[in-house]
Structure formats: C-alpha cells, structure tokens
C-alpha cells in the first residue's frame, strides 16, 4: 500500500490533535497497512499507534474496511486512554490533598503530640486555690 500525502496529512491531523488533551506526549509511531490474509472478504485496513508518554507506552491497533475509519477508531481509543490516565492522576492528587487536609485538622492528641500547657493568669489561679 502506498502512503500518499493525503493519508499522511490525515494521520498528522488526527493523531497530532491528541496533544490538546495531554501535552506530555513524547512521540507516536503510526503504522497503516492493508491486511492480505484475513477471514473477511474485501480489503481490510489496519492502523497501529505506539504512543510514548512519561512512564509508559500506549499501544492501540484497529482494523476496518476503510483506512480513514481505522485511523479515527485508533484516535478515539487513544483519547479515551489519555483521559483515563488524566483522571487517575487527578484522583491521586485529590486523594493526597484530602489526606493532608485530614491530617492538618486533627486534634493534637490524634496527631500524637502533647497538647500545649493551658495559659492561666495568676488571678484565676489564686481563685482556684481558694486563697
């Protein structure tokens, strides 16, 4: 299968557009092709993307009867994966903030600290002793 300028532009537009969802994408390797030996009749196109992001590689492969449809499905799947990763990261940050809030709102006894000595002025102390 020959890779035309139109297909290259379409791939750059769709896969490159994922950067607006996550700006930390390092790079993406895209493979498109025509599958010869398949149980379905007619031409079956395959699109595979290996996207490197900090800490992992996202890999998605889709097959369709239309090449552009396969590219669109890969893009949609990658978008869902990116949004899922973003949600997990956001949840971890919120969970950490919630823990810090809980720790700062604890009483001195719950934090394992000794409570401060009460401040008593001399006049009240004298009244308490009964003098």
C-alpha atoms as a PDB file:
ATOM      1  CA  UNK A   1       0.000   0.000   0.000  1.00  0.00           C
ATOM      2  CA  UNK A   2       1.383   3.382  -0.948  1.00  0.00           C
ATOM      3  CA  UNK A   3       1.292   6.131   1.660  1.00  0.00           C
ATOM      4  CA  UNK A   4       0.023   9.275  -0.047  1.00  0.00           C
ATOM      5  CA  UNK A   5       0.331  12.882   1.152  1.00  0.00           C
ATOM      6  CA  UNK A   6      -3.407  12.902   1.869  1.00  0.00           C
ATOM      7  CA  UNK A   7      -3.107   9.928   4.227  1.00  0.00           C
ATOM      8  CA  UNK A   8      -0.024  11.450   5.934  1.00  0.00           C
ATOM      9  CA  UNK A   9      -1.867  14.737   6.495  1.00  0.00           C
ATOM     10  CA  UNK A  10      -4.917  12.913   7.836  1.00  0.00           C
ATOM     11  CA  UNK A  11      -2.775  10.912  10.297  1.00  0.00           C
ATOM     12  CA  UNK A  12      -0.920  14.049  11.440  1.00  0.00           C
ATOM     13  CA  UNK A  13      -4.195  15.888  11.917  1.00  0.00           C
ATOM     14  CA  UNK A  14      -5.886  13.101  13.902  1.00  0.00           C
ATOM     15  CA  UNK A  15      -3.002  11.712  15.974  1.00  0.00           C
ATOM     16  CA  UNK A  16      -1.273  15.082  16.352  1.00  0.00           C
ATOM     17  CA  UNK A  17      -4.530  16.561  17.615  1.00  0.00           C
ATOM     18  CA  UNK A  18      -4.266  14.388  20.737  1.00  0.00           C
ATOM     19  CA  UNK A  19      -1.693  16.826  22.134  1.00  0.00           C
ATOM     20  CA  UNK A  20      -4.502  19.176  23.136  1.00  0.00           C
ATOM     21  CA  UNK A  21      -5.655  16.506  25.606  1.00  0.00           C
ATOM     22  CA  UNK A  22      -2.213  15.812  27.052  1.00  0.00           C
ATOM     23  CA  UNK A  23       0.798  17.981  26.273  1.00  0.00           C
ATOM     24  CA  UNK A  24       3.284  15.445  27.695  1.00  0.00           C
ATOM     25  CA  UNK A  25       3.181  13.097  24.694  1.00  0.00           C
ATOM     26  CA  UNK A  26       6.791  12.264  23.794  1.00  0.00           C
ATOM     27  CA  UNK A  27       6.213  10.729  20.365  1.00  0.00           C
ATOM     28  CA  UNK A  28       3.908   8.450  18.378  1.00  0.00           C
ATOM     29  CA  UNK A  29       4.759   5.773  15.822  1.00  0.00           C
ATOM     30  CA  UNK A  30       1.934   5.127  13.360  1.00  0.00           C
ATOM     31  CA  UNK A  31       1.695   2.095  11.076  1.00  0.00           C
ATOM     32  CA  UNK A  32      -1.023   1.727   8.483  1.00  0.00           C
ATOM     33  CA  UNK A  33      -1.403  -1.082   6.013  1.00  0.00           C
ATOM     34  CA  UNK A  34      -3.582  -3.467   4.066  1.00  0.00           C
ATOM     35  CA  UNK A  35      -4.127  -6.915   5.565  1.00  0.00           C
ATOM     36  CA  UNK A  36      -3.871  -9.630   2.904  1.00  0.00           C
ATOM     37  CA  UNK A  37      -4.801 -12.787   4.769  1.00  0.00           C
ATOM     38  CA  UNK A  38      -7.984 -12.166   6.704  1.00  0.00           C
ATOM     39  CA  UNK A  39     -11.168 -14.145   7.171  1.00  0.00           C
ATOM     40  CA  UNK A  40     -13.312 -11.208   5.992  1.00  0.00           C
ATOM     41  CA  UNK A  41     -13.812 -10.585   2.305  1.00  0.00           C
ATOM     42  CA  UNK A  42     -12.581  -7.418   0.646  1.00  0.00           C
ATOM     43  CA  UNK A  43      -9.816  -5.066   1.687  1.00  0.00           C
ATOM     44  CA  UNK A  44      -9.180  -4.807   5.410  1.00  0.00           C
ATOM     45  CA  UNK A  45      -7.012  -1.914   6.603  1.00  0.00           C
ATOM     46  CA  UNK A  46      -5.030  -1.856   9.814  1.00  0.00           C
ATOM     47  CA  UNK A  47      -3.841   1.120  11.850  1.00  0.00           C
ATOM     48  CA  UNK A  48      -1.487   0.738  14.803  1.00  0.00           C
ATOM     49  CA  UNK A  49      -0.153   3.522  17.030  1.00  0.00           C
ATOM     50  CA  UNK A  50       2.550   3.211  19.683  1.00  0.00           C
ATOM     51  CA  UNK A  51       2.483   6.418  21.719  1.00  0.00           C
ATOM     52  CA  UNK A  52       5.168   7.099  24.298  1.00  0.00           C
ATOM     53  CA  UNK A  53       4.119   9.156  27.301  1.00  0.00           C
ATOM     54  CA  UNK A  54       6.024   9.662  30.568  1.00  0.00           C
ATOM     55  CA  UNK A  55       6.208   6.330  32.353  1.00  0.00           C
ATOM     56  CA  UNK A  56       4.530   4.101  29.758  1.00  0.00           C
ATOM     57  CA  UNK A  57       3.731   3.308  26.136  1.00  0.00           C
ATOM     58  CA  UNK A  58       0.142   3.324  24.906  1.00  0.00           C
ATOM     59  CA  UNK A  59      -0.480   0.852  22.064  1.00  0.00           C
ATOM     60  CA  UNK A  60      -3.685   0.651  20.051  1.00  0.00           C
ATOM     61  CA  UNK A  61      -4.445  -1.419  16.937  1.00  0.00           C
ATOM     62  CA  UNK A  62      -7.691  -1.297  14.946  1.00  0.00           C
ATOM     63  CA  UNK A  63      -8.841  -2.936  11.706  1.00  0.00           C
ATOM     64  CA  UNK A  64     -11.601  -1.663   9.433  1.00  0.00           C
ATOM     65  CA  UNK A  65     -12.788  -1.885   5.847  1.00  0.00           C
ATOM     66  CA  UNK A  66     -11.942   1.807   5.427  1.00  0.00           C
ATOM     67  CA  UNK A  67      -8.456   3.144   6.258  1.00  0.00           C
ATOM     68  CA  UNK A  68      -9.750   6.508   7.475  1.00  0.00           C
ATOM     69  CA  UNK A  69     -12.240   4.779   9.758  1.00  0.00           C
ATOM     70  CA  UNK A  70      -9.414   2.682  11.270  1.00  0.00           C
ATOM     71  CA  UNK A  71      -7.390   5.848  11.929  1.00  0.00           C
ATOM     72  CA  UNK A  72     -10.416   7.514  13.537  1.00  0.00           C
ATOM     73  CA  UNK A  73     -11.046   4.496  15.784  1.00  0.00           C
ATOM     74  CA  UNK A  74      -7.407   4.449  16.904  1.00  0.00           C
ATOM     75  CA  UNK A  75      -7.584   8.171  17.683  1.00  0.00           C
ATOM     76  CA  UNK A  76     -10.802   7.730  19.698  1.00  0.00           C
ATOM     77  CA  UNK A  77      -9.349   4.823  21.651  1.00  0.00           C
ATOM     78  CA  UNK A  78      -6.146   6.757  22.415  1.00  0.00           C
ATOM     79  CA  UNK A  79      -8.191   9.766  23.510  1.00  0.00           C
ATOM     80  CA  UNK A  80     -10.111   7.548  25.943  1.00  0.00           C
ATOM     81  CA  UNK A  81      -6.862   6.094  27.308  1.00  0.00           C
ATOM     82  CA  UNK A  82      -5.366   9.561  27.747  1.00  0.00           C
ATOM     83  CA  UNK A  83      -8.471  10.854  29.539  1.00  0.00           C
ATOM     84  CA  UNK A  84      -8.437   7.764  31.766  1.00  0.00           C
ATOM     85  CA  UNK A  85      -4.778   8.389  32.687  1.00  0.00           C
ATOM     86  CA  UNK A  86      -5.536  12.063  33.339  1.00  0.00           C
ATOM     87  CA  UNK A  87      -8.436  11.083  35.608  1.00  0.00           C
ATOM     88  CA  UNK A  88      -6.287   8.656  37.587  1.00  0.00           C
ATOM     89  CA  UNK A  89      -3.591  11.291  38.029  1.00  0.00           C
ATOM     90  CA  UNK A  90      -6.155  13.888  39.104  1.00  0.00           C
ATOM     91  CA  UNK A  91      -7.681  11.415  41.579  1.00  0.00           C
ATOM     92  CA  UNK A  92      -4.281  10.684  43.126  1.00  0.00           C
ATOM     93  CA  UNK A  93      -3.654  14.413  43.598  1.00  0.00           C
ATOM     94  CA  UNK A  94      -7.078  14.905  45.161  1.00  0.00           C
ATOM     95  CA  UNK A  95      -6.623  11.876  47.408  1.00  0.00           C
ATOM     96  CA  UNK A  96      -3.301  13.251  48.635  1.00  0.00           C
ATOM     97  CA  UNK A  97      -4.839  16.665  49.255  1.00  0.00           C
ATOM     98  CA  UNK A  98      -7.699  15.055  51.160  1.00  0.00           C
ATOM     99  CA  UNK A  99      -5.242  13.147  53.372  1.00  0.00           C
ATOM    100  CA  UNK A 100      -3.236  16.317  54.072  1.00  0.00           C
ATOM    101  CA  UNK A 101      -6.412  18.197  54.950  1.00  0.00           C
ATOM    102  CA  UNK A 102      -7.440  15.443  57.336  1.00  0.00           C
ATOM    103  CA  UNK A 103      -4.018  15.402  58.987  1.00  0.00           C
ATOM    104  CA  UNK A 104      -3.944  19.151  59.487  1.00  0.00           C
ATOM    105  CA  UNK A 105      -7.432  19.197  61.017  1.00  0.00           C
ATOM    106  CA  UNK A 106      -6.707  16.507  63.614  1.00  0.00           C
ATOM    107  CA  UNK A 107      -6.548  17.355  67.292  1.00  0.00           C
ATOM    108  CA  UNK A 108      -3.097  17.335  68.914  1.00  0.00           C
ATOM    109  CA  UNK A 109      -3.927  14.013  70.638  1.00  0.00           C
ATOM    110  CA  UNK A 110      -4.799  12.342  67.302  1.00  0.00           C
ATOM    111  CA  UNK A 111      -1.554  13.581  65.729  1.00  0.00           C
ATOM    112  CA  UNK A 112       0.417  12.055  68.626  1.00  0.00           C
ATOM    113  CA  UNK A 113       1.547  15.388  70.018  1.00  0.00           C
ATOM    114  CA  UNK A 114       1.397  16.606  73.558  1.00  0.00           C
ATOM    115  CA  UNK A 115      -1.219  19.312  73.990  1.00  0.00           C
ATOM    116  CA  UNK A 116       0.128  22.732  74.891  1.00  0.00           C
ATOM    117  CA  UNK A 117       0.051  23.771  78.526  1.00  0.00           C
ATOM    118  CA  UNK A 118      -3.024  25.846  79.347  1.00  0.00           C
ATOM    119  CA  UNK A 119      -2.371  29.505  79.935  1.00  0.00           C
ATOM    120  CA  UNK A 120      -3.746  30.549  83.295  1.00  0.00           C
ATOM    121  CA  UNK A 121      -3.341  34.023  84.652  1.00  0.00           C
ATOM    122  CA  UNK A 122      -2.337  34.472  88.298  1.00  0.00           C
ATOM    123  CA  UNK A 123      -5.681  35.901  89.420  1.00  0.00           C
ATOM    124  CA  UNK A 124      -7.656  32.873  88.223  1.00  0.00           C
ATOM    125  CA  UNK A 125      -5.053  30.547  89.753  1.00  0.00           C
ATOM    126  CA  UNK A 126      -5.445  32.293  93.119  1.00  0.00           C
ATOM    127  CA  UNK A 127      -9.260  31.924  92.972  1.00  0.00           C
ATOM    128  CA  UNK A 128      -8.950  28.234  92.135  1.00  0.00           C
ATOM    129  CA  UNK A 129      -6.721  27.545  95.165  1.00  0.00           C
ATOM    130  CA  UNK A 130      -9.219  29.260  97.454  1.00  0.00           C
ATOM    131  CA  UNK A 131      -6.885  31.810  98.953  1.00  0.00           C
END
